[in-house]
N, C-alpha and C. Protein backbone atom coordinates (compact mmCIF):
# COMPACT_ATOMS: atom_id res chain seq x y z
N MET A 1 4.48 -2.72 27.44
CA MET A 1 3.48 -3.41 26.65
C MET A 1 3.10 -4.75 27.29
N ASN A 2 4.10 -5.45 27.81
CA ASN A 2 3.82 -6.73 28.45
C ASN A 2 2.96 -6.55 29.69
N ALA A 3 3.23 -5.48 30.44
CA ALA A 3 2.43 -5.21 31.64
C ALA A 3 0.98 -4.92 31.26
N ALA A 4 0.78 -4.21 30.15
CA ALA A 4 -0.57 -3.89 29.69
C ALA A 4 -1.32 -5.16 29.27
N VAL A 5 -0.62 -6.04 28.55
CA VAL A 5 -1.24 -7.30 28.13
C VAL A 5 -1.59 -8.15 29.35
N ARG A 6 -0.66 -8.23 30.28
CA ARG A 6 -0.90 -9.00 31.51
C ARG A 6 -2.14 -8.50 32.24
N SER A 7 -2.24 -7.19 32.39
CA SER A 7 -3.39 -6.61 33.09
C SER A 7 -4.69 -6.89 32.35
N ALA A 8 -4.65 -6.77 31.02
CA ALA A 8 -5.85 -7.01 30.21
C ALA A 8 -6.29 -8.46 30.31
N VAL A 9 -5.32 -9.38 30.24
CA VAL A 9 -5.63 -10.81 30.32
C VAL A 9 -6.28 -11.15 31.66
N ARG A 10 -5.67 -10.71 32.74
CA ARG A 10 -6.18 -11.08 34.06
C ARG A 10 -7.49 -10.36 34.40
N THR A 11 -7.65 -9.14 33.89
CA THR A 11 -8.92 -8.44 34.11
C THR A 11 -10.05 -9.16 33.37
N GLY A 12 -9.77 -9.57 32.13
CA GLY A 12 -10.77 -10.29 31.35
C GLY A 12 -11.16 -11.61 31.99
N ILE A 13 -10.15 -12.36 32.46
CA ILE A 13 -10.42 -13.65 33.09
C ILE A 13 -11.21 -13.47 34.38
N SER A 14 -10.86 -12.45 35.16
CA SER A 14 -11.55 -12.21 36.44
C SER A 14 -13.01 -11.85 36.24
N HIS A 15 -13.35 -11.37 35.03
CA HIS A 15 -14.74 -11.04 34.72
C HIS A 15 -15.45 -12.18 33.99
N GLY A 16 -14.78 -13.33 33.92
CA GLY A 16 -15.42 -14.51 33.35
C GLY A 16 -15.31 -14.66 31.85
N HIS A 17 -14.44 -13.90 31.21
CA HIS A 17 -14.30 -13.98 29.76
C HIS A 17 -13.21 -14.97 29.35
N THR A 18 -13.33 -15.52 28.17
CA THR A 18 -12.26 -16.31 27.57
C THR A 18 -11.34 -15.34 26.83
N VAL A 19 -10.07 -15.38 27.16
CA VAL A 19 -9.13 -14.39 26.61
C VAL A 19 -8.15 -15.07 25.65
N TYR A 20 -7.98 -14.47 24.50
CA TYR A 20 -7.01 -14.93 23.51
C TYR A 20 -5.94 -13.86 23.32
N VAL A 21 -4.73 -14.28 23.00
CA VAL A 21 -3.69 -13.34 22.60
C VAL A 21 -3.32 -13.64 21.16
N VAL A 22 -2.91 -12.62 20.45
CA VAL A 22 -2.53 -12.75 19.04
C VAL A 22 -1.06 -12.41 18.90
N HIS A 23 -0.32 -13.29 18.28
CA HIS A 23 1.11 -13.06 18.07
C HIS A 23 1.33 -12.29 16.76
N ASP A 24 2.27 -11.36 16.78
CA ASP A 24 2.69 -10.62 15.58
C ASP A 24 1.59 -9.76 14.96
N GLY A 25 0.80 -9.12 15.80
CA GLY A 25 -0.11 -8.09 15.34
C GLY A 25 -1.21 -8.56 14.39
N PHE A 26 -1.61 -7.66 13.49
CA PHE A 26 -2.69 -7.96 12.54
C PHE A 26 -2.30 -9.09 11.60
N GLU A 27 -1.01 -9.18 11.27
CA GLU A 27 -0.55 -10.27 10.41
C GLU A 27 -0.78 -11.61 11.10
N GLY A 28 -0.50 -11.66 12.40
CA GLY A 28 -0.73 -12.89 13.15
C GLY A 28 -2.20 -13.24 13.23
N LEU A 29 -3.07 -12.24 13.34
CA LEU A 29 -4.51 -12.49 13.36
C LEU A 29 -4.97 -13.05 12.03
N ALA A 30 -4.40 -12.55 10.94
CA ALA A 30 -4.74 -13.04 9.61
C ALA A 30 -4.27 -14.48 9.40
N LYS A 31 -3.13 -14.83 10.01
CA LYS A 31 -2.56 -16.17 9.85
C LYS A 31 -3.05 -17.16 10.90
N GLY A 32 -3.91 -16.70 11.79
CA GLY A 32 -4.44 -17.59 12.80
C GLY A 32 -3.51 -17.87 13.97
N GLN A 33 -2.58 -16.95 14.21
CA GLN A 33 -1.65 -17.13 15.34
C GLN A 33 -2.32 -16.64 16.63
N VAL A 34 -3.41 -17.30 16.96
CA VAL A 34 -4.24 -16.93 18.10
C VAL A 34 -4.13 -18.02 19.16
N GLN A 35 -3.96 -17.62 20.41
CA GLN A 35 -3.74 -18.58 21.49
C GLN A 35 -4.59 -18.20 22.70
N GLU A 36 -5.32 -19.17 23.22
CA GLU A 36 -6.06 -18.93 24.46
C GLU A 36 -5.09 -18.93 25.63
N VAL A 37 -5.25 -17.98 26.53
CA VAL A 37 -4.32 -17.87 27.67
C VAL A 37 -5.09 -17.92 28.98
N GLY A 38 -4.38 -18.41 30.00
CA GLY A 38 -4.95 -18.47 31.33
C GLY A 38 -4.25 -17.49 32.26
N TRP A 39 -4.66 -17.50 33.51
CA TRP A 39 -4.14 -16.57 34.51
C TRP A 39 -2.63 -16.66 34.64
N HIS A 40 -2.11 -17.88 34.71
CA HIS A 40 -0.68 -18.07 34.97
C HIS A 40 0.18 -17.97 33.71
N ASP A 41 -0.44 -17.92 32.55
CA ASP A 41 0.33 -17.82 31.31
C ASP A 41 1.06 -16.49 31.18
N VAL A 42 0.58 -15.47 31.88
CA VAL A 42 1.21 -14.15 31.79
C VAL A 42 2.00 -13.82 33.06
N ALA A 43 2.25 -14.82 33.88
CA ALA A 43 3.05 -14.60 35.09
C ALA A 43 4.48 -14.23 34.70
N GLY A 44 5.03 -13.24 35.37
CA GLY A 44 6.39 -12.81 35.09
C GLY A 44 6.51 -11.80 33.97
N TRP A 45 5.39 -11.39 33.38
CA TRP A 45 5.43 -10.44 32.27
C TRP A 45 5.59 -9.00 32.75
N LEU A 46 5.32 -8.75 34.01
CA LEU A 46 5.21 -7.38 34.51
C LEU A 46 6.49 -6.57 34.30
N GLY A 47 7.64 -7.15 34.56
CA GLY A 47 8.88 -6.38 34.48
C GLY A 47 9.67 -6.58 33.21
N ARG A 48 9.08 -7.26 32.23
CA ARG A 48 9.81 -7.54 30.99
C ARG A 48 9.60 -6.44 29.95
N GLY A 49 10.69 -6.04 29.31
CA GLY A 49 10.59 -5.04 28.26
C GLY A 49 10.23 -5.66 26.93
N GLY A 50 10.05 -4.81 25.93
CA GLY A 50 9.71 -5.32 24.61
C GLY A 50 8.30 -5.85 24.55
N SER A 51 8.08 -6.87 23.71
CA SER A 51 6.76 -7.46 23.56
C SER A 51 6.88 -8.97 23.49
N MET A 52 6.29 -9.66 24.45
CA MET A 52 6.32 -11.12 24.47
C MET A 52 5.51 -11.70 23.31
N LEU A 53 4.55 -10.94 22.80
CA LEU A 53 3.70 -11.43 21.72
C LEU A 53 4.28 -11.11 20.35
N GLY A 54 5.28 -10.25 20.30
CA GLY A 54 5.84 -9.86 19.01
C GLY A 54 5.04 -8.72 18.40
N THR A 55 5.68 -7.96 17.55
CA THR A 55 5.01 -6.83 16.90
C THR A 55 5.27 -6.86 15.39
N LYS A 56 4.32 -6.38 14.64
CA LYS A 56 4.45 -6.25 13.19
C LYS A 56 3.74 -4.97 12.77
N ARG A 57 4.30 -4.26 11.80
CA ARG A 57 3.68 -3.02 11.33
C ARG A 57 2.67 -3.27 10.21
N THR A 58 2.45 -4.53 9.85
CA THR A 58 1.52 -4.85 8.78
C THR A 58 0.10 -4.41 9.14
N LEU A 59 -0.57 -3.77 8.20
CA LEU A 59 -1.94 -3.29 8.42
C LEU A 59 -2.95 -4.31 7.90
N PRO A 60 -4.19 -4.26 8.38
CA PRO A 60 -5.20 -5.24 7.97
C PRO A 60 -5.56 -5.18 6.49
N LYS A 61 -5.44 -4.01 5.89
CA LYS A 61 -5.84 -3.86 4.49
C LYS A 61 -5.11 -4.87 3.61
N GLY A 62 -5.86 -5.60 2.81
CA GLY A 62 -5.26 -6.62 1.95
C GLY A 62 -5.40 -8.01 2.51
N GLN A 63 -5.71 -8.13 3.80
CA GLN A 63 -5.90 -9.45 4.40
C GLN A 63 -7.14 -9.47 5.30
N LEU A 64 -8.10 -8.63 4.96
CA LEU A 64 -9.32 -8.53 5.76
C LEU A 64 -10.10 -9.83 5.79
N GLU A 65 -10.14 -10.55 4.64
CA GLU A 65 -10.89 -11.80 4.58
C GLU A 65 -10.38 -12.80 5.61
N SER A 66 -9.04 -12.92 5.70
CA SER A 66 -8.44 -13.86 6.65
C SER A 66 -8.69 -13.43 8.09
N ILE A 67 -8.59 -12.12 8.34
CA ILE A 67 -8.83 -11.61 9.69
C ILE A 67 -10.26 -11.87 10.12
N VAL A 68 -11.21 -11.58 9.24
CA VAL A 68 -12.62 -11.80 9.55
C VAL A 68 -12.90 -13.28 9.78
N GLU A 69 -12.29 -14.14 8.98
CA GLU A 69 -12.48 -15.58 9.13
C GLU A 69 -12.01 -16.07 10.50
N ASN A 70 -10.86 -15.59 10.95
CA ASN A 70 -10.34 -16.02 12.25
C ASN A 70 -11.13 -15.41 13.41
N ILE A 71 -11.64 -14.21 13.22
CA ILE A 71 -12.53 -13.63 14.24
C ILE A 71 -13.77 -14.49 14.40
N ARG A 72 -14.27 -15.01 13.26
CA ARG A 72 -15.45 -15.89 13.29
C ARG A 72 -15.11 -17.24 13.93
N ILE A 73 -13.96 -17.81 13.56
CA ILE A 73 -13.56 -19.13 14.07
C ILE A 73 -13.40 -19.12 15.59
N TYR A 74 -12.73 -18.09 16.11
CA TYR A 74 -12.45 -18.05 17.54
C TYR A 74 -13.55 -17.36 18.35
N GLY A 75 -14.57 -16.89 17.67
CA GLY A 75 -15.69 -16.27 18.37
C GLY A 75 -15.29 -15.03 19.14
N ILE A 76 -14.48 -14.20 18.51
CA ILE A 76 -13.97 -12.99 19.17
C ILE A 76 -15.05 -11.91 19.18
N HIS A 77 -15.32 -11.36 20.36
CA HIS A 77 -16.37 -10.35 20.51
C HIS A 77 -15.82 -8.98 20.90
N ALA A 78 -14.52 -8.89 21.10
CA ALA A 78 -13.89 -7.60 21.43
C ALA A 78 -12.42 -7.69 21.05
N LEU A 79 -11.86 -6.56 20.66
CA LEU A 79 -10.47 -6.52 20.22
C LEU A 79 -9.74 -5.39 20.94
N LEU A 80 -8.70 -5.77 21.68
CA LEU A 80 -7.87 -4.79 22.39
C LEU A 80 -6.49 -4.80 21.76
N VAL A 81 -6.11 -3.69 21.16
CA VAL A 81 -4.83 -3.60 20.44
C VAL A 81 -3.87 -2.70 21.20
N VAL A 82 -2.68 -3.21 21.47
CA VAL A 82 -1.65 -2.43 22.14
C VAL A 82 -0.60 -2.07 21.10
N GLY A 83 -0.42 -0.79 20.82
CA GLY A 83 0.54 -0.41 19.79
C GLY A 83 0.56 1.08 19.53
N GLY A 84 1.29 1.45 18.49
CA GLY A 84 1.47 2.85 18.16
C GLY A 84 0.54 3.33 17.06
N PHE A 85 1.06 4.20 16.21
CA PHE A 85 0.23 4.81 15.17
C PHE A 85 -0.33 3.75 14.22
N GLU A 86 0.48 2.71 13.92
CA GLU A 86 0.02 1.65 13.02
C GLU A 86 -1.16 0.89 13.63
N ALA A 87 -1.13 0.70 14.95
CA ALA A 87 -2.25 0.03 15.62
C ALA A 87 -3.52 0.87 15.49
N TYR A 88 -3.38 2.17 15.68
CA TYR A 88 -4.51 3.09 15.54
C TYR A 88 -5.05 3.05 14.10
N GLU A 89 -4.14 3.09 13.14
CA GLU A 89 -4.56 3.07 11.73
C GLU A 89 -5.20 1.74 11.37
N GLY A 90 -4.64 0.65 11.93
CA GLY A 90 -5.19 -0.67 11.65
C GLY A 90 -6.60 -0.84 12.17
N VAL A 91 -6.85 -0.40 13.39
CA VAL A 91 -8.20 -0.48 13.96
C VAL A 91 -9.16 0.40 13.16
N LEU A 92 -8.69 1.54 12.70
CA LEU A 92 -9.52 2.42 11.88
C LEU A 92 -9.94 1.72 10.59
N GLN A 93 -9.02 0.96 9.98
CA GLN A 93 -9.35 0.20 8.77
C GLN A 93 -10.40 -0.86 9.06
N LEU A 94 -10.30 -1.50 10.21
CA LEU A 94 -11.30 -2.51 10.58
C LEU A 94 -12.67 -1.87 10.79
N VAL A 95 -12.68 -0.72 11.44
CA VAL A 95 -13.95 -0.01 11.68
C VAL A 95 -14.59 0.40 10.35
N GLU A 96 -13.77 0.88 9.43
CA GLU A 96 -14.29 1.32 8.13
C GLU A 96 -14.83 0.16 7.30
N ALA A 97 -14.39 -1.07 7.62
CA ALA A 97 -14.84 -2.25 6.88
C ALA A 97 -16.07 -2.90 7.51
N ARG A 98 -16.63 -2.30 8.54
CA ARG A 98 -17.78 -2.89 9.22
C ARG A 98 -19.00 -3.02 8.31
N GLY A 99 -19.11 -2.15 7.33
CA GLY A 99 -20.24 -2.22 6.42
C GLY A 99 -20.22 -3.47 5.56
N ARG A 100 -19.04 -4.06 5.37
CA ARG A 100 -18.91 -5.27 4.54
C ARG A 100 -18.85 -6.55 5.36
N TYR A 101 -18.40 -6.44 6.61
CA TYR A 101 -18.23 -7.64 7.44
C TYR A 101 -18.89 -7.40 8.80
N GLU A 102 -19.95 -8.14 9.09
CA GLU A 102 -20.63 -7.95 10.37
C GLU A 102 -19.77 -8.45 11.53
N GLU A 103 -18.79 -9.33 11.27
CA GLU A 103 -17.90 -9.82 12.32
C GLU A 103 -17.05 -8.70 12.92
N LEU A 104 -16.91 -7.62 12.17
CA LEU A 104 -16.10 -6.49 12.66
C LEU A 104 -16.92 -5.50 13.48
N CYS A 105 -18.21 -5.76 13.63
CA CYS A 105 -19.06 -4.88 14.44
C CYS A 105 -18.95 -5.28 15.91
N ILE A 106 -17.73 -5.21 16.42
CA ILE A 106 -17.44 -5.56 17.80
C ILE A 106 -16.71 -4.39 18.47
N VAL A 107 -16.57 -4.48 19.77
CA VAL A 107 -15.86 -3.42 20.50
C VAL A 107 -14.38 -3.48 20.16
N MET A 108 -13.80 -2.34 19.82
CA MET A 108 -12.37 -2.25 19.52
C MET A 108 -11.76 -1.11 20.31
N CYS A 109 -10.60 -1.35 20.87
CA CYS A 109 -9.93 -0.35 21.70
C CYS A 109 -8.43 -0.40 21.46
N VAL A 110 -7.80 0.76 21.44
CA VAL A 110 -6.35 0.84 21.26
C VAL A 110 -5.71 1.40 22.52
N ILE A 111 -4.74 0.68 23.05
CA ILE A 111 -3.91 1.21 24.14
C ILE A 111 -2.64 1.75 23.50
N PRO A 112 -2.44 3.07 23.51
CA PRO A 112 -1.26 3.65 22.85
C PRO A 112 0.04 3.20 23.50
N ALA A 113 0.93 2.65 22.70
CA ALA A 113 2.23 2.20 23.21
C ALA A 113 3.28 2.45 22.13
N THR A 114 4.00 3.54 22.26
CA THR A 114 5.03 3.89 21.28
C THR A 114 5.98 4.92 21.86
N ILE A 115 7.26 4.79 21.56
CA ILE A 115 8.23 5.77 22.04
C ILE A 115 8.04 7.10 21.34
N SER A 116 7.37 7.09 20.18
CA SER A 116 7.16 8.33 19.43
C SER A 116 6.06 9.19 20.04
N ASN A 117 5.20 8.59 20.85
CA ASN A 117 4.10 9.31 21.50
C ASN A 117 3.26 10.08 20.48
N ASN A 118 2.92 9.41 19.38
CA ASN A 118 2.23 10.10 18.29
C ASN A 118 0.88 9.48 17.92
N VAL A 119 0.25 8.80 18.87
CA VAL A 119 -1.07 8.23 18.59
C VAL A 119 -2.12 9.34 18.71
N PRO A 120 -2.92 9.58 17.66
CA PRO A 120 -3.90 10.67 17.69
C PRO A 120 -4.85 10.57 18.88
N GLY A 121 -5.17 11.72 19.47
CA GLY A 121 -6.13 11.76 20.56
C GLY A 121 -5.60 11.35 21.91
N THR A 122 -4.29 11.18 22.03
CA THR A 122 -3.71 10.77 23.31
C THR A 122 -2.61 11.75 23.72
N ASP A 123 -2.40 11.86 25.02
CA ASP A 123 -1.34 12.72 25.54
C ASP A 123 -0.07 11.94 25.84
N PHE A 124 -0.24 10.71 26.32
CA PHE A 124 0.92 9.89 26.69
C PHE A 124 0.75 8.48 26.15
N SER A 125 1.86 7.84 25.84
CA SER A 125 1.85 6.47 25.35
C SER A 125 2.74 5.60 26.23
N LEU A 126 2.37 4.33 26.35
CA LEU A 126 3.22 3.40 27.07
C LEU A 126 4.58 3.33 26.37
N GLY A 127 5.64 3.43 27.11
CA GLY A 127 6.98 3.32 26.53
C GLY A 127 7.64 4.65 26.24
N SER A 128 6.85 5.72 26.08
CA SER A 128 7.45 7.00 25.73
C SER A 128 8.27 7.56 26.89
N ASP A 129 7.73 7.48 28.10
CA ASP A 129 8.46 7.99 29.26
C ASP A 129 9.70 7.15 29.53
N THR A 130 9.58 5.83 29.35
CA THR A 130 10.73 4.94 29.52
C THR A 130 11.83 5.29 28.53
N ALA A 131 11.43 5.56 27.28
CA ALA A 131 12.41 5.90 26.25
C ALA A 131 13.10 7.23 26.55
N VAL A 132 12.33 8.21 27.02
CA VAL A 132 12.92 9.51 27.37
C VAL A 132 13.93 9.35 28.49
N ASN A 133 13.58 8.57 29.50
CA ASN A 133 14.50 8.36 30.62
C ASN A 133 15.76 7.62 30.20
N ALA A 134 15.62 6.65 29.29
CA ALA A 134 16.79 5.93 28.79
C ALA A 134 17.70 6.86 27.99
N ALA A 135 17.09 7.71 27.15
CA ALA A 135 17.87 8.67 26.36
C ALA A 135 18.54 9.70 27.27
N MET A 136 17.82 10.14 28.30
CA MET A 136 18.40 11.09 29.26
C MET A 136 19.61 10.49 29.96
N GLU A 137 19.48 9.24 30.36
CA GLU A 137 20.58 8.57 31.05
C GLU A 137 21.82 8.49 30.16
N SER A 138 21.60 8.16 28.88
CA SER A 138 22.71 8.09 27.94
C SER A 138 23.36 9.45 27.74
N CYS A 139 22.54 10.48 27.60
CA CYS A 139 23.07 11.83 27.41
C CYS A 139 23.82 12.32 28.65
N ASP A 140 23.30 11.99 29.83
CA ASP A 140 23.98 12.38 31.07
C ASP A 140 25.35 11.72 31.17
N ARG A 141 25.44 10.47 30.73
CA ARG A 141 26.72 9.78 30.74
C ARG A 141 27.69 10.41 29.75
N ILE A 142 27.16 10.79 28.60
CA ILE A 142 28.00 11.45 27.60
C ILE A 142 28.52 12.78 28.14
N LYS A 143 27.65 13.55 28.79
CA LYS A 143 28.06 14.84 29.35
C LYS A 143 29.09 14.66 30.46
N GLN A 144 28.92 13.60 31.25
CA GLN A 144 29.88 13.34 32.31
C GLN A 144 31.23 12.95 31.74
N SER A 145 31.20 12.12 30.69
CA SER A 145 32.44 11.72 30.04
C SER A 145 33.09 12.91 29.34
N ALA A 146 32.24 13.80 28.83
CA ALA A 146 32.76 14.95 28.09
C ALA A 146 33.31 16.04 28.99
N SER A 147 33.05 15.92 30.30
CA SER A 147 33.52 16.96 31.22
C SER A 147 35.04 17.09 31.21
N GLY A 148 35.72 16.00 30.89
CA GLY A 148 37.18 16.05 30.82
C GLY A 148 37.69 16.22 29.41
N THR A 149 36.76 16.39 28.47
CA THR A 149 37.14 16.56 27.06
C THR A 149 36.85 17.99 26.63
N LYS A 150 37.79 18.60 25.98
CA LYS A 150 37.63 20.00 25.59
C LYS A 150 37.34 20.13 24.09
N ARG A 151 36.52 21.12 23.78
CA ARG A 151 36.26 21.54 22.40
C ARG A 151 35.73 20.40 21.53
N ARG A 152 34.72 19.73 22.04
CA ARG A 152 34.09 18.67 21.26
C ARG A 152 32.57 18.81 21.33
N VAL A 153 31.92 18.45 20.22
CA VAL A 153 30.46 18.46 20.15
C VAL A 153 29.98 17.02 19.95
N PHE A 154 29.08 16.59 20.80
CA PHE A 154 28.54 15.24 20.71
C PHE A 154 27.16 15.28 20.08
N ILE A 155 26.94 14.43 19.09
CA ILE A 155 25.64 14.35 18.40
C ILE A 155 24.99 13.02 18.73
N VAL A 156 23.79 13.08 19.30
CA VAL A 156 23.07 11.87 19.71
C VAL A 156 21.85 11.70 18.81
N GLU A 157 21.75 10.54 18.17
CA GLU A 157 20.61 10.26 17.30
C GLU A 157 19.60 9.40 18.05
N THR A 158 18.37 9.84 18.11
CA THR A 158 17.31 9.11 18.81
C THR A 158 16.41 8.39 17.81
N MET A 159 15.61 7.47 18.31
CA MET A 159 14.64 6.78 17.48
C MET A 159 13.39 7.65 17.35
N GLY A 160 12.46 7.21 16.53
CA GLY A 160 11.21 7.94 16.39
C GLY A 160 10.81 8.24 14.97
N GLY A 161 11.67 7.91 14.00
CA GLY A 161 11.30 8.13 12.61
C GLY A 161 11.04 9.59 12.31
N TYR A 162 9.83 9.89 11.82
CA TYR A 162 9.46 11.26 11.46
C TYR A 162 8.83 12.02 12.62
N CYS A 163 8.89 11.46 13.81
CA CYS A 163 8.33 12.13 14.99
C CYS A 163 9.47 12.58 15.89
N GLY A 164 9.50 13.87 16.21
CA GLY A 164 10.61 14.42 16.98
C GLY A 164 10.37 14.50 18.47
N TYR A 165 9.34 13.80 18.96
CA TYR A 165 9.01 13.88 20.39
C TYR A 165 10.20 13.49 21.26
N LEU A 166 10.81 12.36 20.98
CA LEU A 166 11.88 11.85 21.84
C LEU A 166 13.08 12.79 21.85
N ALA A 167 13.47 13.28 20.68
CA ALA A 167 14.61 14.19 20.60
C ALA A 167 14.31 15.52 21.29
N THR A 168 13.10 16.03 21.11
CA THR A 168 12.73 17.32 21.69
C THR A 168 12.67 17.27 23.21
N VAL A 169 11.93 16.31 23.74
CA VAL A 169 11.76 16.22 25.20
C VAL A 169 13.07 15.88 25.88
N THR A 170 13.84 14.97 25.29
CA THR A 170 15.14 14.62 25.87
C THR A 170 16.08 15.82 25.83
N GLY A 171 16.06 16.55 24.71
CA GLY A 171 16.92 17.73 24.58
C GLY A 171 16.62 18.77 25.64
N ILE A 172 15.33 18.98 25.91
CA ILE A 172 14.94 19.94 26.96
C ILE A 172 15.41 19.44 28.33
N ALA A 173 15.22 18.15 28.57
CA ALA A 173 15.53 17.58 29.89
C ALA A 173 17.02 17.61 30.21
N VAL A 174 17.86 17.40 29.21
CA VAL A 174 19.31 17.33 29.47
C VAL A 174 20.02 18.64 29.16
N GLY A 175 19.28 19.65 28.70
CA GLY A 175 19.90 20.93 28.40
C GLY A 175 20.79 20.90 27.18
N ALA A 176 20.32 20.23 26.13
CA ALA A 176 21.11 20.15 24.89
C ALA A 176 21.19 21.52 24.22
N ASP A 177 22.21 21.70 23.41
CA ASP A 177 22.38 22.97 22.70
C ASP A 177 21.38 23.11 21.56
N ALA A 178 20.98 21.99 20.97
CA ALA A 178 20.03 22.03 19.86
C ALA A 178 19.41 20.65 19.68
N ALA A 179 18.23 20.63 19.05
CA ALA A 179 17.57 19.38 18.69
C ALA A 179 16.97 19.55 17.30
N TYR A 180 17.42 18.76 16.36
CA TYR A 180 16.93 18.83 14.99
C TYR A 180 15.84 17.77 14.81
N VAL A 181 14.63 18.21 14.47
CA VAL A 181 13.51 17.28 14.32
C VAL A 181 12.81 17.51 12.99
N PHE A 182 12.09 16.49 12.55
CA PHE A 182 11.41 16.52 11.25
C PHE A 182 10.34 17.60 11.20
N GLU A 183 9.64 17.81 12.33
CA GLU A 183 8.53 18.77 12.35
C GLU A 183 8.98 20.22 12.24
N ASP A 184 10.25 20.47 12.52
CA ASP A 184 10.79 21.83 12.47
C ASP A 184 11.92 21.87 11.45
N PRO A 185 11.60 22.06 10.16
CA PRO A 185 12.63 22.02 9.12
C PRO A 185 13.75 23.03 9.38
N PHE A 186 14.96 22.62 9.08
CA PHE A 186 16.10 23.52 9.26
C PHE A 186 16.92 23.54 7.97
N ASN A 187 17.69 24.61 7.80
CA ASN A 187 18.49 24.77 6.59
C ASN A 187 19.94 25.11 6.96
N ILE A 188 20.71 25.45 5.95
CA ILE A 188 22.12 25.76 6.15
C ILE A 188 22.30 26.97 7.07
N HIS A 189 21.40 27.94 6.94
CA HIS A 189 21.49 29.12 7.79
C HIS A 189 21.33 28.75 9.27
N ASP A 190 20.38 27.86 9.54
CA ASP A 190 20.18 27.42 10.93
C ASP A 190 21.42 26.70 11.46
N LEU A 191 22.00 25.86 10.63
CA LEU A 191 23.22 25.16 11.03
C LEU A 191 24.35 26.15 11.29
N LYS A 192 24.44 27.17 10.44
CA LYS A 192 25.48 28.18 10.59
C LYS A 192 25.32 28.92 11.93
N VAL A 193 24.08 29.26 12.26
CA VAL A 193 23.81 29.95 13.52
C VAL A 193 24.21 29.08 14.71
N ASN A 194 23.89 27.80 14.63
CA ASN A 194 24.24 26.90 15.72
C ASN A 194 25.75 26.69 15.84
N VAL A 195 26.43 26.66 14.70
CA VAL A 195 27.89 26.53 14.72
C VAL A 195 28.51 27.76 15.37
N GLU A 196 27.97 28.93 15.03
CA GLU A 196 28.48 30.17 15.65
C GLU A 196 28.24 30.16 17.15
N HIS A 197 27.07 29.64 17.56
CA HIS A 197 26.77 29.52 18.99
C HIS A 197 27.78 28.60 19.68
N MET A 198 28.06 27.48 19.03
CA MET A 198 29.03 26.53 19.59
C MET A 198 30.42 27.15 19.68
N THR A 199 30.76 27.92 18.66
CA THR A 199 32.08 28.57 18.64
C THR A 199 32.25 29.51 19.82
N GLU A 200 31.21 30.31 20.08
CA GLU A 200 31.25 31.23 21.21
C GLU A 200 31.26 30.47 22.54
N LYS A 201 30.53 29.36 22.56
CA LYS A 201 30.47 28.57 23.79
C LYS A 201 31.83 27.97 24.13
N MET A 202 32.58 27.59 23.09
CA MET A 202 33.90 26.99 23.31
C MET A 202 34.89 27.98 23.93
N LYS A 203 34.56 29.27 23.85
CA LYS A 203 35.44 30.29 24.42
C LYS A 203 35.21 30.46 25.93
N THR A 204 34.17 29.80 26.45
CA THR A 204 33.85 29.91 27.87
C THR A 204 34.44 28.71 28.62
N ASP A 205 34.01 28.56 29.86
CA ASP A 205 34.49 27.44 30.67
C ASP A 205 33.87 26.11 30.25
N ILE A 206 32.70 26.18 29.60
CA ILE A 206 32.03 24.94 29.15
C ILE A 206 32.41 24.68 27.70
N GLN A 207 33.44 23.92 27.50
CA GLN A 207 33.96 23.69 26.14
C GLN A 207 33.49 22.35 25.59
N ARG A 208 32.19 22.18 25.55
CA ARG A 208 31.60 20.97 24.96
C ARG A 208 30.19 21.31 24.49
N GLY A 209 29.67 20.50 23.59
CA GLY A 209 28.33 20.72 23.08
C GLY A 209 27.58 19.41 22.93
N LEU A 210 26.25 19.50 22.97
CA LEU A 210 25.40 18.31 22.81
C LEU A 210 24.24 18.64 21.90
N VAL A 211 24.10 17.86 20.83
CA VAL A 211 23.04 18.07 19.85
C VAL A 211 22.27 16.76 19.68
N LEU A 212 20.95 16.85 19.64
CA LEU A 212 20.11 15.67 19.41
C LEU A 212 19.41 15.77 18.08
N ARG A 213 19.14 14.63 17.49
CA ARG A 213 18.38 14.59 16.24
C ARG A 213 17.54 13.32 16.20
């Protein structure tokens, strides 16, 4: 996310635009946490994880008046939002409010950035591949540690809320025995089948199991 912001800032400046950054998402825009930035203000952001600007899941609805007022005060003519599904939903709310506020009739763009990889209309999101690789590394370490441990099943819980992308893709990549995700409901029968599979597996040379959720 920081690399995306850095690129956007420097691209805007190189084209002669005045660039502002907003701290803490839509809530920060409503509270006026807007800061003009220069070329060197984003130096060193390229390799930093997380978000230097901070993130908030608060949506514009309920604070549109304040957001519109600050857009007017700072003379904002375009809005670039880096975020996940909430960012997409937030921009959609702003677009739907254009009929009431002419200040919102500006260019708006969302750069998808979420480990859940669930932004509509996109195939990949910033951070999703990094998250998969981090989860894979952890699972590989667990499998390596488990190589000397017999008859044990390791359960790894991933992030992602109601989106099973991270658990599914990581499970495929590391060869997990099963991955339980929200999109694919499971019941006691499914658990019983998996337990039976694990039981048979323990009778072979590979006496360990790995399950993701």
